[in-house]
Full PDB file with SEQRES, HELIX, SHEET, SSBOND, CRYST1, ORIGX, SCALE, CONECT and MASTER records, all heavy atoms in Angstrom:
SEQRES   1 A   42  LYS GLU HIS GLY LYS SER CYS SER ARG ARG THR MET GLU          
SEQRES   2 A   42  TYR PHE ILE THR LYS THR GLY PHE GLN MET ASP ASN ILE          
SEQRES   3 A   42  VAL ASN GLU LEU ASP LYS LEU ILE GLY TYR VAL GLY GLU          
SEQRES   4 A   42  ARG PRO GLU                                                  
HELIX    1 AA1 ARG A    9  THR A   19  1                                  11    
HELIX    2 AA2 MET A   23  VAL A   37  1                                  15    
CRYST1    1.000    1.000    1.000  90.00  90.00  90.00 P 1           1          
ORIGX1      1.000000  0.000000  0.000000        0.00000                         
ORIGX2      0.000000  1.000000  0.000000        0.00000                         
ORIGX3      0.000000  0.000000  1.000000        0.00000                         
SCALE1      1.000000  0.000000  0.000000        0.00000                         
SCALE2      0.000000  1.000000  0.000000        0.00000                         
SCALE3      0.000000  0.000000  1.000000        0.00000                         
ATOM      1  N   LYS A   1      64.649  52.012 147.029  1.00  0.00           N  
ATOM      2  CA  LYS A   1      63.653  52.122 148.045  1.00  0.00           C  
ATOM      3  C   LYS A   1      63.113  53.527 148.230  1.00  0.00           C  
ATOM      4  O   LYS A   1      61.920  53.740 148.448  1.00  0.00           O  
ATOM      5  CB  LYS A   1      64.391  51.722 149.381  1.00  0.00           C  
ATOM      6  CG  LYS A   1      63.445  51.669 150.547  1.00  0.00           C  
ATOM      7  CD  LYS A   1      64.112  51.224 151.902  1.00  0.00           C  
ATOM      8  CE  LYS A   1      63.080  51.197 153.097  1.00  0.00           C  
ATOM      9  NZ  LYS A   1      63.849  50.734 154.269  1.00  0.00           N  
ATOM     10  N   GLU A   2      64.036  54.611 147.989  1.00  0.00           N  
ATOM     11  CA  GLU A   2      63.486  55.918 147.924  1.00  0.00           C  
ATOM     12  C   GLU A   2      62.472  56.190 146.960  1.00  0.00           C  
ATOM     13  O   GLU A   2      61.730  57.158 146.995  1.00  0.00           O  
ATOM     14  CB  GLU A   2      64.740  56.828 147.833  1.00  0.00           C  
ATOM     15  CG  GLU A   2      65.720  56.918 148.960  1.00  0.00           C  
ATOM     16  CD  GLU A   2      66.867  57.666 148.704  1.00  0.00           C  
ATOM     17  OE1 GLU A   2      67.031  58.183 147.522  1.00  0.00           O  
ATOM     18  OE2 GLU A   2      67.817  57.705 149.629  1.00  0.00           O  
ATOM     19  N   HIS A   3      62.469  55.372 145.834  1.00  0.00           N  
ATOM     20  CA  HIS A   3      61.471  55.511 144.732  1.00  0.00           C  
ATOM     21  C   HIS A   3      60.361  54.439 144.851  1.00  0.00           C  
ATOM     22  O   HIS A   3      59.694  54.236 143.860  1.00  0.00           O  
ATOM     23  CB  HIS A   3      62.157  55.477 143.410  1.00  0.00           C  
ATOM     24  CG  HIS A   3      63.123  56.552 143.189  1.00  0.00           C  
ATOM     25  ND1 HIS A   3      64.345  56.706 143.728  1.00  0.00           N  
ATOM     26  CD2 HIS A   3      62.971  57.842 142.569  1.00  0.00           C  
ATOM     27  CE1 HIS A   3      64.952  57.924 143.359  1.00  0.00           C  
ATOM     28  NE2 HIS A   3      64.112  58.547 142.660  1.00  0.00           N  
ATOM     29  N   GLY A   4      60.295  53.788 145.992  1.00  0.00           N  
ATOM     30  CA  GLY A   4      59.195  52.840 146.211  1.00  0.00           C  
ATOM     31  C   GLY A   4      59.393  51.522 145.444  1.00  0.00           C  
ATOM     32  O   GLY A   4      58.480  50.780 145.138  1.00  0.00           O  
ATOM     33  N   LYS A   5      60.671  51.208 145.115  1.00  0.00           N  
ATOM     34  CA  LYS A   5      61.001  50.018 144.416  1.00  0.00           C  
ATOM     35  C   LYS A   5      61.937  49.107 145.136  1.00  0.00           C  
ATOM     36  O   LYS A   5      62.602  49.522 146.086  1.00  0.00           O  
ATOM     37  CB  LYS A   5      61.592  50.326 143.050  1.00  0.00           C  
ATOM     38  CG  LYS A   5      60.774  51.254 142.092  1.00  0.00           C  
ATOM     39  CD  LYS A   5      59.488  50.781 141.778  1.00  0.00           C  
ATOM     40  CE  LYS A   5      58.702  51.810 141.024  1.00  0.00           C  
ATOM     41  NZ  LYS A   5      57.273  51.388 140.803  1.00  0.00           N  
ATOM     42  N   SER A   6      61.987  47.812 144.732  1.00  0.00           N  
ATOM     43  CA  SER A   6      62.956  46.895 145.367  1.00  0.00           C  
ATOM     44  C   SER A   6      63.299  45.743 144.462  1.00  0.00           C  
ATOM     45  O   SER A   6      62.714  45.612 143.412  1.00  0.00           O  
ATOM     46  CB  SER A   6      62.354  46.296 146.621  1.00  0.00           C  
ATOM     47  OG  SER A   6      61.177  45.424 146.331  1.00  0.00           O  
ATOM     48  N   CYS A   7      64.295  44.979 144.796  1.00  0.00           N  
ATOM     49  CA  CYS A   7      64.643  43.767 144.057  1.00  0.00           C  
ATOM     50  C   CYS A   7      65.511  42.936 145.018  1.00  0.00           C  
ATOM     51  O   CYS A   7      65.992  43.383 146.005  1.00  0.00           O  
ATOM     52  CB  CYS A   7      65.420  44.083 142.846  1.00  0.00           C  
ATOM     53  SG  CYS A   7      67.125  44.733 143.059  1.00  0.00           S  
ATOM     54  N   SER A   8      65.607  41.614 144.664  1.00  0.00           N  
ATOM     55  CA  SER A   8      66.511  40.667 145.425  1.00  0.00           C  
ATOM     56  C   SER A   8      67.876  41.084 145.371  1.00  0.00           C  
ATOM     57  O   SER A   8      68.311  41.718 144.437  1.00  0.00           O  
ATOM     58  CB  SER A   8      66.128  39.241 145.005  1.00  0.00           C  
ATOM     59  OG  SER A   8      66.791  39.100 143.709  1.00  0.00           O  
ATOM     60  N   ARG A   9      68.655  40.592 146.312  1.00  0.00           N  
ATOM     61  CA  ARG A   9      70.123  40.804 146.304  1.00  0.00           C  
ATOM     62  C   ARG A   9      70.746  40.155 144.974  1.00  0.00           C  
ATOM     63  O   ARG A   9      71.545  40.771 144.357  1.00  0.00           O  
ATOM     64  CB  ARG A   9      70.776  40.229 147.523  1.00  0.00           C  
ATOM     65  CG  ARG A   9      72.357  40.495 147.466  1.00  0.00           C  
ATOM     66  CD  ARG A   9      73.005  39.878 148.669  1.00  0.00           C  
ATOM     67  NE  ARG A   9      74.404  40.058 148.613  1.00  0.00           N  
ATOM     68  CZ  ARG A   9      75.063  41.096 149.145  1.00  0.00           C  
ATOM     69  NH1 ARG A   9      74.358  42.127 149.607  1.00  0.00           N  
ATOM     70  NH2 ARG A   9      76.368  41.280 148.977  1.00  0.00           N  
ATOM     71  N   ARG A  10      70.239  39.141 144.610  1.00  0.00           N  
ATOM     72  CA  ARG A  10      70.756  38.399 143.398  1.00  0.00           C  
ATOM     73  C   ARG A  10      70.487  39.198 142.189  1.00  0.00           C  
ATOM     74  O   ARG A  10      71.355  39.266 141.328  1.00  0.00           O  
ATOM     75  CB  ARG A  10      70.261  36.928 143.324  1.00  0.00           C  
ATOM     76  CG  ARG A  10      70.882  36.117 142.204  1.00  0.00           C  
ATOM     77  CD  ARG A  10      70.047  34.919 141.841  1.00  0.00           C  
ATOM     78  NE  ARG A  10      68.783  35.325 141.292  1.00  0.00           N  
ATOM     79  CZ  ARG A  10      68.744  35.850 139.977  1.00  0.00           C  
ATOM     80  NH1 ARG A  10      69.810  36.004 139.259  1.00  0.00           N  
ATOM     81  NH2 ARG A  10      67.579  36.244 139.559  1.00  0.00           N  
ATOM     82  N   THR A  11      69.281  39.827 142.123  1.00  0.00           N  
ATOM     83  CA  THR A  11      68.973  40.599 140.959  1.00  0.00           C  
ATOM     84  C   THR A  11      69.778  41.935 140.973  1.00  0.00           C  
ATOM     85  O   THR A  11      70.162  42.282 139.830  1.00  0.00           O  
ATOM     86  CB  THR A  11      67.514  40.959 141.060  1.00  0.00           C  
ATOM     87  OG1 THR A  11      66.665  39.796 140.889  1.00  0.00           O  
ATOM     88  CG2 THR A  11      67.085  41.898 139.995  1.00  0.00           C  
ATOM     89  N   MET A  12      70.036  42.422 142.144  1.00  0.00           N  
ATOM     90  CA  MET A  12      71.025  43.640 142.188  1.00  0.00           C  
ATOM     91  C   MET A  12      72.276  43.263 141.784  1.00  0.00           C  
ATOM     92  O   MET A  12      72.957  44.073 141.016  1.00  0.00           O  
ATOM     93  CB  MET A  12      70.933  44.217 143.626  1.00  0.00           C  
ATOM     94  CG  MET A  12      71.800  45.497 143.795  1.00  0.00           C  
ATOM     95  SD  MET A  12      71.169  46.834 142.643  1.00  0.00           S  
ATOM     96  CE  MET A  12      69.668  47.344 143.530  1.00  0.00           C  
ATOM     97  N   GLU A  13      72.797  42.106 142.081  1.00  0.00           N  
ATOM     98  CA  GLU A  13      74.176  41.725 141.609  1.00  0.00           C  
ATOM     99  C   GLU A  13      74.221  41.623 140.116  1.00  0.00           C  
ATOM    100  O   GLU A  13      75.104  42.036 139.489  1.00  0.00           O  
ATOM    101  CB  GLU A  13      74.506  40.432 142.271  1.00  0.00           C  
ATOM    102  CG  GLU A  13      74.837  40.551 143.831  1.00  0.00           C  
ATOM    103  CD  GLU A  13      75.075  39.187 144.448  1.00  0.00           C  
ATOM    104  OE1 GLU A  13      74.852  38.132 143.849  1.00  0.00           O  
ATOM    105  OE2 GLU A  13      75.350  39.088 145.724  1.00  0.00           O  
ATOM    106  N   TYR A  14      73.153  41.067 139.589  1.00  0.00           N  
ATOM    107  CA  TYR A  14      73.077  40.874 138.130  1.00  0.00           C  
ATOM    108  C   TYR A  14      73.061  42.257 137.492  1.00  0.00           C  
ATOM    109  O   TYR A  14      73.684  42.479 136.464  1.00  0.00           O  
ATOM    110  CB  TYR A  14      71.798  40.002 137.821  1.00  0.00           C  
ATOM    111  CG  TYR A  14      71.524  39.929 136.307  1.00  0.00           C  
ATOM    112  CD1 TYR A  14      72.399  39.208 135.490  1.00  0.00           C  
ATOM    113  CD2 TYR A  14      70.349  40.475 135.684  1.00  0.00           C  
ATOM    114  CE1 TYR A  14      72.253  39.076 134.097  1.00  0.00           C  
ATOM    115  CE2 TYR A  14      70.184  40.270 134.362  1.00  0.00           C  
ATOM    116  CZ  TYR A  14      71.083  39.593 133.560  1.00  0.00           C  
ATOM    117  OH  TYR A  14      70.817  39.541 132.285  1.00  0.00           O  
ATOM    118  N   PHE A  15      72.194  43.096 138.007  1.00  0.00           N  
ATOM    119  CA  PHE A  15      72.216  44.499 137.480  1.00  0.00           C  
ATOM    120  C   PHE A  15      73.534  45.161 137.463  1.00  0.00           C  
ATOM    121  O   PHE A  15      73.931  45.746 136.414  1.00  0.00           O  
ATOM    122  CB  PHE A  15      71.264  45.391 138.418  1.00  0.00           C  
ATOM    123  CG  PHE A  15      71.274  46.833 138.165  1.00  0.00           C  
ATOM    124  CD1 PHE A  15      70.574  47.348 136.999  1.00  0.00           C  
ATOM    125  CD2 PHE A  15      71.835  47.637 138.916  1.00  0.00           C  
ATOM    126  CE1 PHE A  15      70.601  48.737 136.736  1.00  0.00           C  
ATOM    127  CE2 PHE A  15      71.859  49.066 138.765  1.00  0.00           C  
ATOM    128  CZ  PHE A  15      71.251  49.537 137.656  1.00  0.00           C  
ATOM    129  N   ILE A  16      74.329  45.092 138.533  1.00  0.00           N  
ATOM    130  CA  ILE A  16      75.647  45.631 138.611  1.00  0.00           C  
ATOM    131  C   ILE A  16      76.592  45.065 137.551  1.00  0.00           C  
ATOM    132  O   ILE A  16      77.413  45.723 136.923  1.00  0.00           O  
ATOM    133  CB  ILE A  16      76.273  45.607 139.974  1.00  0.00           C  
ATOM    134  CG1 ILE A  16      75.434  46.286 141.070  1.00  0.00           C  
ATOM    135  CG2 ILE A  16      77.699  46.032 140.076  1.00  0.00           C  
ATOM    136  CD1 ILE A  16      75.370  47.756 140.831  1.00  0.00           C  
ATOM    137  N   THR A  17      76.494  43.752 137.329  1.00  0.00           N  
ATOM    138  CA  THR A  17      77.280  43.149 136.257  1.00  0.00           C  
ATOM    139  C   THR A  17      77.015  43.684 134.858  1.00  0.00           C  
ATOM    140  O   THR A  17      77.904  43.650 133.936  1.00  0.00           O  
ATOM    141  CB  THR A  17      77.149  41.596 136.252  1.00  0.00           C  
ATOM    142  OG1 THR A  17      75.898  41.174 135.920  1.00  0.00           O  
ATOM    143  CG2 THR A  17      77.567  40.967 137.632  1.00  0.00           C  
ATOM    144  N   LYS A  18      75.796  44.122 134.720  1.00  0.00           N  
ATOM    145  CA  LYS A  18      75.353  44.681 133.403  1.00  0.00           C  
ATOM    146  C   LYS A  18      75.829  46.078 133.222  1.00  0.00           C  
ATOM    147  O   LYS A  18      76.184  46.510 132.102  1.00  0.00           O  
ATOM    148  CB  LYS A  18      73.835  44.603 133.322  1.00  0.00           C  
ATOM    149  CG  LYS A  18      73.215  43.214 133.171  1.00  0.00           C  
ATOM    150  CD  LYS A  18      73.158  42.789 131.789  1.00  0.00           C  
ATOM    151  CE  LYS A  18      72.073  43.402 131.003  1.00  0.00           C  
ATOM    152  NZ  LYS A  18      72.054  42.899 129.542  1.00  0.00           N  
ATOM    153  N   THR A  19      75.772  46.903 134.341  1.00  0.00           N  
ATOM    154  CA  THR A  19      76.005  48.310 134.260  1.00  0.00           C  
ATOM    155  C   THR A  19      77.459  48.756 134.465  1.00  0.00           C  
ATOM    156  O   THR A  19      77.791  49.790 133.965  1.00  0.00           O  
ATOM    157  CB  THR A  19      75.151  49.181 135.219  1.00  0.00           C  
ATOM    158  OG1 THR A  19      75.452  48.692 136.506  1.00  0.00           O  
ATOM    159  CG2 THR A  19      73.667  48.811 134.973  1.00  0.00           C  
ATOM    160  N   GLY A  20      78.206  47.922 135.182  1.00  0.00           N  
ATOM    161  CA  GLY A  20      79.558  48.346 135.609  1.00  0.00           C  
ATOM    162  C   GLY A  20      79.415  49.099 136.916  1.00  0.00           C  
ATOM    163  O   GLY A  20      78.395  49.139 137.616  1.00  0.00           O  
ATOM    164  N   PHE A  21      80.513  49.712 137.312  1.00  0.00           N  
ATOM    165  CA  PHE A  21      80.675  50.359 138.590  1.00  0.00           C  
ATOM    166  C   PHE A  21      80.685  51.857 138.711  1.00  0.00           C  
ATOM    167  O   PHE A  21      80.954  52.410 139.762  1.00  0.00           O  
ATOM    168  CB  PHE A  21      81.820  49.685 139.373  1.00  0.00           C  
ATOM    169  CG  PHE A  21      81.898  48.179 139.337  1.00  0.00           C  
ATOM    170  CD1 PHE A  21      82.601  47.501 138.417  1.00  0.00           C  
ATOM    171  CD2 PHE A  21      81.206  47.523 140.286  1.00  0.00           C  
ATOM    172  CE1 PHE A  21      82.547  46.131 138.401  1.00  0.00           C  
ATOM    173  CE2 PHE A  21      81.104  46.221 140.326  1.00  0.00           C  
ATOM    174  CZ  PHE A  21      81.804  45.405 139.361  1.00  0.00           C  
ATOM    175  N   GLN A  22      80.411  52.490 137.617  1.00  0.00           N  
ATOM    176  CA  GLN A  22      80.474  53.952 137.592  1.00  0.00           C  
ATOM    177  C   GLN A  22      79.080  54.422 138.114  1.00  0.00           C  
ATOM    178  O   GLN A  22      78.032  54.007 137.623  1.00  0.00           O  
ATOM    179  CB  GLN A  22      80.640  54.545 136.239  1.00  0.00           C  
ATOM    180  CG  GLN A  22      81.945  54.237 135.643  1.00  0.00           C  
ATOM    181  CD  GLN A  22      83.048  54.952 136.419  1.00  0.00           C  
ATOM    182  OE1 GLN A  22      82.913  56.037 136.863  1.00  0.00           O  
ATOM    183  NE2 GLN A  22      84.241  54.320 136.527  1.00  0.00           N  
ATOM    184  N   MET A  23      79.030  55.184 139.239  1.00  0.00           N  
ATOM    185  CA  MET A  23      77.744  55.526 139.830  1.00  0.00           C  
ATOM    186  C   MET A  23      76.810  56.396 139.000  1.00  0.00           C  
ATOM    187  O   MET A  23      75.548  56.214 139.165  1.00  0.00           O  
ATOM    188  CB  MET A  23      78.041  56.198 141.241  1.00  0.00           C  
ATOM    189  CG  MET A  23      78.692  55.323 142.224  1.00  0.00           C  
ATOM    190  SD  MET A  23      79.041  56.063 143.825  1.00  0.00           S  
ATOM    191  CE  MET A  23      77.450  56.206 144.432  1.00  0.00           C  
ATOM    192  N   ASP A  24      77.366  57.229 138.175  1.00  0.00           N  
ATOM    193  CA  ASP A  24      76.465  58.002 137.302  1.00  0.00           C  
ATOM    194  C   ASP A  24      75.642  57.094 136.333  1.00  0.00           C  
ATOM    195  O   ASP A  24      74.524  57.244 136.132  1.00  0.00           O  
ATOM    196  CB  ASP A  24      77.241  59.094 136.550  1.00  0.00           C  
ATOM    197  CG  ASP A  24      78.402  58.513 135.775  1.00  0.00           C  
ATOM    198  OD1 ASP A  24      78.779  57.364 135.924  1.00  0.00           O  
ATOM    199  OD2 ASP A  24      78.970  59.352 134.959  1.00  0.00           O  
ATOM    200  N   ASN A  25      76.351  56.131 135.839  1.00  0.00           N  
ATOM    201  CA  ASN A  25      75.775  55.208 134.912  1.00  0.00           C  
ATOM    202  C   ASN A  25      74.725  54.294 135.670  1.00  0.00           C  
ATOM    203  O   ASN A  25      73.565  53.998 135.176  1.00  0.00           O  
ATOM    204  CB  ASN A  25      76.806  54.254 134.213  1.00  0.00           C  
ATOM    205  CG  ASN A  25      76.072  53.390 133.211  1.00  0.00           C  
ATOM    206  OD1 ASN A  25      75.452  53.809 132.245  1.00  0.00           O  
ATOM    207  ND2 ASN A  25      76.251  52.017 133.367  1.00  0.00           N  
ATOM    208  N   ILE A  26      75.110  53.944 136.868  1.00  0.00           N  
ATOM    209  CA  ILE A  26      74.181  53.160 137.762  1.00  0.00           C  
ATOM    210  C   ILE A  26      72.796  53.922 138.028  1.00  0.00           C  
ATOM    211  O   ILE A  26      71.731  53.398 137.810  1.00  0.00           O  
ATOM    212  CB  ILE A  26      74.814  52.727 138.998  1.00  0.00           C  
ATOM    213  CG1 ILE A  26      76.006  51.658 138.782  1.00  0.00           C  
ATOM    214  CG2 ILE A  26      73.759  52.107 140.115  1.00  0.00           C  
ATOM    215  CD1 ILE A  26      76.658  51.248 140.007  1.00  0.00           C  
ATOM    216  N   VAL A  27      72.999  55.106 138.354  1.00  0.00           N  
ATOM    217  CA  VAL A  27      71.861  56.003 138.608  1.00  0.00           C  
ATOM    218  C   VAL A  27      70.951  56.081 137.326  1.00  0.00           C  
ATOM    219  O   VAL A  27      69.719  55.999 137.354  1.00  0.00           O  
ATOM    220  CB  VAL A  27      72.213  57.413 139.058  1.00  0.00           C  
ATOM    221  CG1 VAL A  27      71.042  58.327 139.130  1.00  0.00           C  
ATOM    222  CG2 VAL A  27      72.833  57.331 140.540  1.00  0.00           C  
ATOM    223  N   ASN A  28      71.558  56.382 136.179  1.00  0.00           N  
ATOM    224  CA  ASN A  28      70.811  56.446 134.949  1.00  0.00           C  
ATOM    225  C   ASN A  28      70.052  55.138 134.679  1.00  0.00           C  
ATOM    226  O   ASN A  28      68.883  55.266 134.275  1.00  0.00           O  
ATOM    227  CB  ASN A  28      71.776  56.688 133.712  1.00  0.00           C  
ATOM    228  CG  ASN A  28      72.447  58.172 133.877  1.00  0.00           C  
ATOM    229  OD1 ASN A  28      71.793  58.968 134.445  1.00  0.00           O  
ATOM    230  ND2 ASN A  28      73.496  58.334 133.194  1.00  0.00           N  
ATOM    231  N   GLU A  29      70.729  54.011 134.807  1.00  0.00           N  
ATOM    232  CA  GLU A  29      70.043  52.790 134.508  1.00  0.00           C  
ATOM    233  C   GLU A  29      68.931  52.444 135.571  1.00  0.00           C  
ATOM    234  O   GLU A  29      67.801  51.903 135.257  1.00  0.00           O  
ATOM    235  CB  GLU A  29      71.003  51.617 134.538  1.00  0.00           C  
ATOM    236  CG  GLU A  29      72.019  51.723 133.382  1.00  0.00           C  
ATOM    237  CD  GLU A  29      71.459  51.713 132.040  1.00  0.00           C  
ATOM    238  OE1 GLU A  29      70.589  50.867 131.738  1.00  0.00           O  
ATOM    239  OE2 GLU A  29      71.912  52.608 131.153  1.00  0.00           O  
ATOM    240  N   LEU A  30      69.122  52.812 136.836  1.00  0.00           N  
ATOM    241  CA  LEU A  30      68.138  52.651 137.911  1.00  0.00           C  
ATOM    242  C   LEU A  30      66.904  53.582 137.571  1.00  0.00           C  
ATOM    243  O   LEU A  30      65.699  53.033 137.672  1.00  0.00           O  
ATOM    244  CB  LEU A  30      68.697  53.028 139.221  1.00  0.00           C  
ATOM    245  CG  LEU A  30      69.574  51.986 139.793  1.00  0.00           C  
ATOM    246  CD1 LEU A  30      70.223  52.540 141.226  1.00  0.00           C  
ATOM    247  CD2 LEU A  30      68.868  50.658 140.122  1.00  0.00           C  
ATOM    248  N   ASP A  31      67.150  54.761 137.093  1.00  0.00           N  
ATOM    249  CA  ASP A  31      65.972  55.621 136.720  1.00  0.00           C  
ATOM    250  C   ASP A  31      65.248  55.069 135.548  1.00  0.00           C  
ATOM    251  O   ASP A  31      64.006  55.183 135.463  1.00  0.00           O  
ATOM    252  CB  ASP A  31      66.613  57.010 136.360  1.00  0.00           C  
ATOM    253  CG  ASP A  31      66.979  57.839 137.613  1.00  0.00           C  
ATOM    254  OD1 ASP A  31      66.590  57.501 138.686  1.00  0.00           O  
ATOM    255  OD2 ASP A  31      67.769  58.752 137.430  1.00  0.00           O  
ATOM    256  N   LYS A  32      65.903  54.546 134.589  1.00  0.00           N  
ATOM    257  CA  LYS A  32      65.255  53.893 133.440  1.00  0.00           C  
ATOM    258  C   LYS A  32      64.407  52.663 134.056  1.00  0.00           C  
ATOM    259  O   LYS A  32      63.205  52.581 133.609  1.00  0.00           O  
ATOM    260  CB  LYS A  32      66.304  53.366 132.409  1.00  0.00           C  
ATOM    261  CG  LYS A  32      66.847  54.490 131.659  1.00  0.00           C  
ATOM    262  CD  LYS A  32      68.150  54.044 130.947  1.00  0.00           C  
ATOM    263  CE  LYS A  32      67.929  52.927 129.965  1.00  0.00           C  
ATOM    264  NZ  LYS A  32      69.183  52.555 129.299  1.00  0.00           N  
ATOM    265  N   LEU A  33      64.921  51.948 134.926  1.00  0.00           N  
ATOM    266  CA  LEU A  33      64.102  50.807 135.407  1.00  0.00           C  
ATOM    267  C   LEU A  33      62.941  51.310 136.199  1.00  0.00           C  
ATOM    268  O   LEU A  33      61.800  50.723 136.084  1.00  0.00           O  
ATOM    269  CB  LEU A  33      64.983  49.868 136.348  1.00  0.00           C  
ATOM    270  CG  LEU A  33      65.924  48.925 135.670  1.00  0.00           C  
ATOM    271  CD1 LEU A  33      67.045  48.410 136.656  1.00  0.00           C  
ATOM    272  CD2 LEU A  33      65.268  47.750 135.041  1.00  0.00           C  
ATOM    273  N   ILE A  34      63.043  52.226 137.049  1.00  0.00           N  
ATOM    274  CA  ILE A  34      62.014  52.814 137.803  1.00  0.00           C  
ATOM    275  C   ILE A  34      60.869  53.316 136.927  1.00  0.00           C  
ATOM    276  O   ILE A  34      59.695  53.047 137.225  1.00  0.00           O  
ATOM    277  CB  ILE A  34      62.548  53.912 138.793  1.00  0.00           C  
ATOM    278  CG1 ILE A  34      63.396  53.399 139.824  1.00  0.00           C  
ATOM    279  CG2 ILE A  34      61.335  54.718 139.414  1.00  0.00           C  
ATOM    280  CD1 ILE A  34      64.231  54.424 140.654  1.00  0.00           C  
ATOM    281  N   GLY A  35      61.264  54.037 135.929  1.00  0.00           N  
ATOM    282  CA  GLY A  35      60.219  54.433 134.930  1.00  0.00           C  
ATOM    283  C   GLY A  35      59.583  53.301 134.204  1.00  0.00           C  
ATOM    284  O   GLY A  35      58.302  53.376 133.888  1.00  0.00           O  
ATOM    285  N   TYR A  36      60.275  52.322 133.862  1.00  0.00           N  
ATOM    286  CA  TYR A  36      59.807  51.192 133.045  1.00  0.00           C  
ATOM    287  C   TYR A  36      58.835  50.351 133.745  1.00  0.00           C  
ATOM    288  O   TYR A  36      57.727  50.037 133.226  1.00  0.00           O  
ATOM    289  CB  TYR A  36      60.990  50.388 132.585  1.00  0.00           C  
ATOM    290  CG  TYR A  36      60.591  49.108 131.807  1.00  0.00           C  
ATOM    291  CD1 TYR A  36      60.085  49.151 130.512  1.00  0.00           C  
ATOM    292  CD2 TYR A  36      60.588  47.914 132.531  1.00  0.00           C  
ATOM    293  CE1 TYR A  36      59.702  47.980 129.814  1.00  0.00           C  
ATOM    294  CE2 TYR A  36      60.251  46.673 131.833  1.00  0.00           C  
ATOM    295  CZ  TYR A  36      59.770  46.860 130.472  1.00  0.00           C  
ATOM    296  OH  TYR A  36      59.470  45.605 129.769  1.00  0.00           O  
ATOM    297  N   VAL A  37      59.151  50.022 135.008  1.00  0.00           N  
ATOM    298  CA  VAL A  37      58.102  49.175 135.805  1.00  0.00           C  
ATOM    299  C   VAL A  37      56.834  49.846 136.210  1.00  0.00           C  
ATOM    300  O   VAL A  37      55.869  49.205 136.614  1.00  0.00           O  
ATOM    301  CB  VAL A  37      58.827  48.498 136.997  1.00  0.00           C  
ATOM    302  CG1 VAL A  37      60.039  47.679 136.591  1.00  0.00           C  
ATOM    303  CG2 VAL A  37      59.253  49.587 137.995  1.00  0.00           C  
ATOM    304  N   GLY A  38      56.845  51.178 136.226  1.00  0.00           N  
ATOM    305  CA  GLY A  38      55.623  51.922 136.579  1.00  0.00           C  
ATOM    306  C   GLY A  38      55.212  51.777 138.004  1.00  0.00           C  
ATOM    307  O   GLY A  38      55.931  51.924 138.909  1.00  0.00           O  
ATOM    308  N   GLU A  39      54.017  51.198 138.230  1.00  0.00           N  
ATOM    309  CA  GLU A  39      53.454  51.057 139.535  1.00  0.00           C  
ATOM    310  C   GLU A  39      53.921  49.764 140.157  1.00  0.00           C  
ATOM    311  O   GLU A  39      53.741  49.612 141.367  1.00  0.00           O  
ATOM    312  CB  GLU A  39      51.918  51.123 139.482  1.00  0.00           C  
ATOM    313  CG  GLU A  39      51.253  52.345 139.035  1.00  0.00           C  
ATOM    314  CD  GLU A  39      51.621  53.568 139.894  1.00  0.00           C  
ATOM    315  OE1 GLU A  39      51.675  53.362 141.082  1.00  0.00           O  
ATOM    316  OE2 GLU A  39      52.036  54.634 139.376  1.00  0.00           O  
ATOM    317  N   ARG A  40      54.468  48.816 139.459  1.00  0.00           N  
ATOM    318  CA  ARG A  40      55.033  47.494 139.992  1.00  0.00           C  
ATOM    319  C   ARG A  40      56.129  47.793 140.924  1.00  0.00           C  
ATOM    320  O   ARG A  40      57.052  48.446 140.514  1.00  0.00           O  
ATOM    321  CB  ARG A  40      55.335  46.634 138.814  1.00  0.00           C  
ATOM    322  CG  ARG A  40      55.758  45.287 139.299  1.00  0.00           C  
ATOM    323  CD  ARG A  40      55.640  44.213 138.219  1.00  0.00           C  
ATOM    324  NE  ARG A  40      56.112  44.670 136.877  1.00  0.00           N  
ATOM    325  CZ  ARG A  40      57.314  44.587 136.487  1.00  0.00           C  
ATOM    326  NH1 ARG A  40      58.362  44.010 137.292  1.00  0.00           N  
ATOM    327  NH2 ARG A  40      57.720  44.954 135.300  1.00  0.00           N  
ATOM    328  N   PRO A  41      56.002  47.262 142.209  1.00  0.00           N  
ATOM    329  CA  PRO A  41      57.145  47.517 143.124  1.00  0.00           C  
ATOM    330  C   PRO A  41      58.441  46.808 142.974  1.00  0.00           C  
ATOM    331  O   PRO A  41      59.461  47.312 143.354  1.00  0.00           O  
ATOM    332  CB  PRO A  41      56.480  47.218 144.412  1.00  0.00           C  
ATOM    333  CG  PRO A  41      55.461  46.143 144.114  1.00  0.00           C  
ATOM    334  CD  PRO A  41      55.005  46.532 142.729  1.00  0.00           C  
ATOM    335  N   GLU A  42      58.339  45.606 142.357  1.00  0.00           N  
ATOM    336  CA  GLU A  42      59.533  44.771 142.307  1.00  0.00           C  
ATOM    337  C   GLU A  42      60.181  44.785 140.974  1.00  0.00           C  
ATOM    338  O   GLU A  42      59.505  44.582 139.886  1.00  0.00           O  
ATOM    339  CB  GLU A  42      59.288  43.377 142.808  1.00  0.00           C  
ATOM    340  CG  GLU A  42      60.562  42.553 142.916  1.00  0.00           C  
ATOM    341  CD  GLU A  42      60.286  41.159 143.563  1.00  0.00           C  
ATOM    342  OE1 GLU A  42      59.174  40.948 143.941  1.00  0.00           O  
ATOM    343  OE2 GLU A  42      61.270  40.366 143.696  1.00  0.00           O  
TER     344      GLU A  42                                                      
MASTER        0    0    0    2    0    0    0    6  343    1    0    4          
END                                                                             
């Protein structure tokens, strides 16, 4: 939300199953997603 993006709860759950529970890795993967979707909010 701080970066102007969002996703459904189910999608967030799916994301966590892919990345695991280490917060540094989660942040890295979120940053990659934020950069990848560009102007698209979801």
